[in-house]
Amino acid sequence: MPVYTFVCPKCGLTVNKVSQVKDAFPKCPYCRLEMDRQIKPCAGFVLKGEGFFVNDYPRYHPKERGPS
């Protein structure tokens, strides 16, 4: 199961909790309000190795023409 980060809208308390998507949101132990799930930005990724578009299809560079 994934780890989600929950934030209290009133006091700002942050809690990490292992839960399923369908589970109820936890309540803040201090304010007793339902906490909001924080959406984390996705991490970037780098294509390394062979078999990717960048490696298999290099940019097209037309051959220079000589004098006509």
Protein backbone atom coordinates (compact mmCIF):
# COMPACT_ATOMS: atom_id res chain seq x y z
CA MET A 1 0.00 0.00 0.00
CA PRO A 2 1.20 3.54 -0.71
CA VAL A 3 2.18 6.11 1.88
CA TYR A 4 0.09 9.27 1.78
CA THR A 5 0.82 12.63 3.39
CA PHE A 6 -2.09 14.28 5.21
CA VAL A 7 -2.17 17.91 6.38
CA CYS A 8 -4.52 19.51 8.91
CA PRO A 9 -6.24 22.56 7.34
CA LYS A 10 -6.36 24.41 10.69
CA CYS A 11 -3.08 23.79 12.53
CA GLY A 12 -0.91 22.53 9.62
CA LEU A 13 0.10 19.25 11.28
CA THR A 14 1.59 16.85 8.71
CA VAL A 15 1.20 13.08 9.06
CA ASN A 16 2.42 10.25 6.81
CA LYS A 17 0.11 7.25 6.80
CA VAL A 18 0.04 3.93 4.94
CA SER A 19 -3.48 3.57 3.56
CA GLN A 20 -5.56 2.62 0.57
CA VAL A 21 -7.30 5.16 -1.63
CA LYS A 22 -10.72 4.08 -0.38
CA ASP A 23 -9.80 4.46 3.33
CA ALA A 24 -11.27 7.39 5.28
CA PHE A 25 -9.04 10.38 5.86
CA PRO A 26 -7.54 10.54 9.38
CA LYS A 27 -8.55 13.20 11.89
CA CYS A 28 -6.08 15.63 13.42
CA PRO A 29 -5.27 14.56 17.01
CA TYR A 30 -5.29 18.22 18.17
CA CYS A 31 -8.09 19.89 16.18
CA ARG A 32 -10.27 16.81 15.56
CA LEU A 33 -10.82 17.97 11.96
CA GLU A 34 -10.55 15.68 8.96
CA MET A 35 -7.12 16.08 7.39
CA ASP A 36 -6.55 16.82 3.68
CA ARG A 37 -4.48 14.53 1.49
CA GLN A 38 -1.48 16.39 0.11
CA ILE A 39 -0.66 15.78 -3.55
CA LYS A 40 3.07 15.46 -4.08
CA PRO A 41 4.63 16.49 -7.38
CA CYS A 42 5.92 13.67 -9.53
CA ALA A 43 9.63 13.09 -9.60
CA GLY A 44 11.43 13.57 -12.89
CA PHE A 45 12.96 10.69 -14.73
CA VAL A 46 15.80 10.22 -17.18
CA LEU A 47 15.86 7.77 -20.06
CA LYS A 48 19.15 5.88 -19.90
CA GLY A 49 20.42 3.01 -21.98
CA GLU A 50 19.45 1.73 -25.39
CA GLY A 51 15.97 1.28 -26.76
CA PHE A 52 14.55 4.76 -26.22
CA PHE A 53 13.37 7.21 -28.85
CA VAL A 54 16.24 9.63 -28.17
CA ASN A 55 18.85 6.95 -28.90
CA ASP A 56 17.10 5.13 -31.74
CA TYR A 57 16.01 8.16 -33.76
CA PRO A 58 18.68 10.86 -33.74
CA ARG A 59 17.72 14.30 -34.98
CA TYR A 60 17.63 14.68 -38.72
CA HIS A 61 20.51 16.75 -40.08
CA PRO A 62 20.29 17.19 -43.87
CA LYS A 63 23.58 16.85 -45.68
CA GLU A 64 25.06 20.11 -46.85
CA ARG A 65 25.01 20.54 -50.59
CA GLY A 66 28.08 21.48 -52.46
CA PRO A 67 28.21 24.25 -55.07
CA SER A 68 25.68 23.72 -57.89
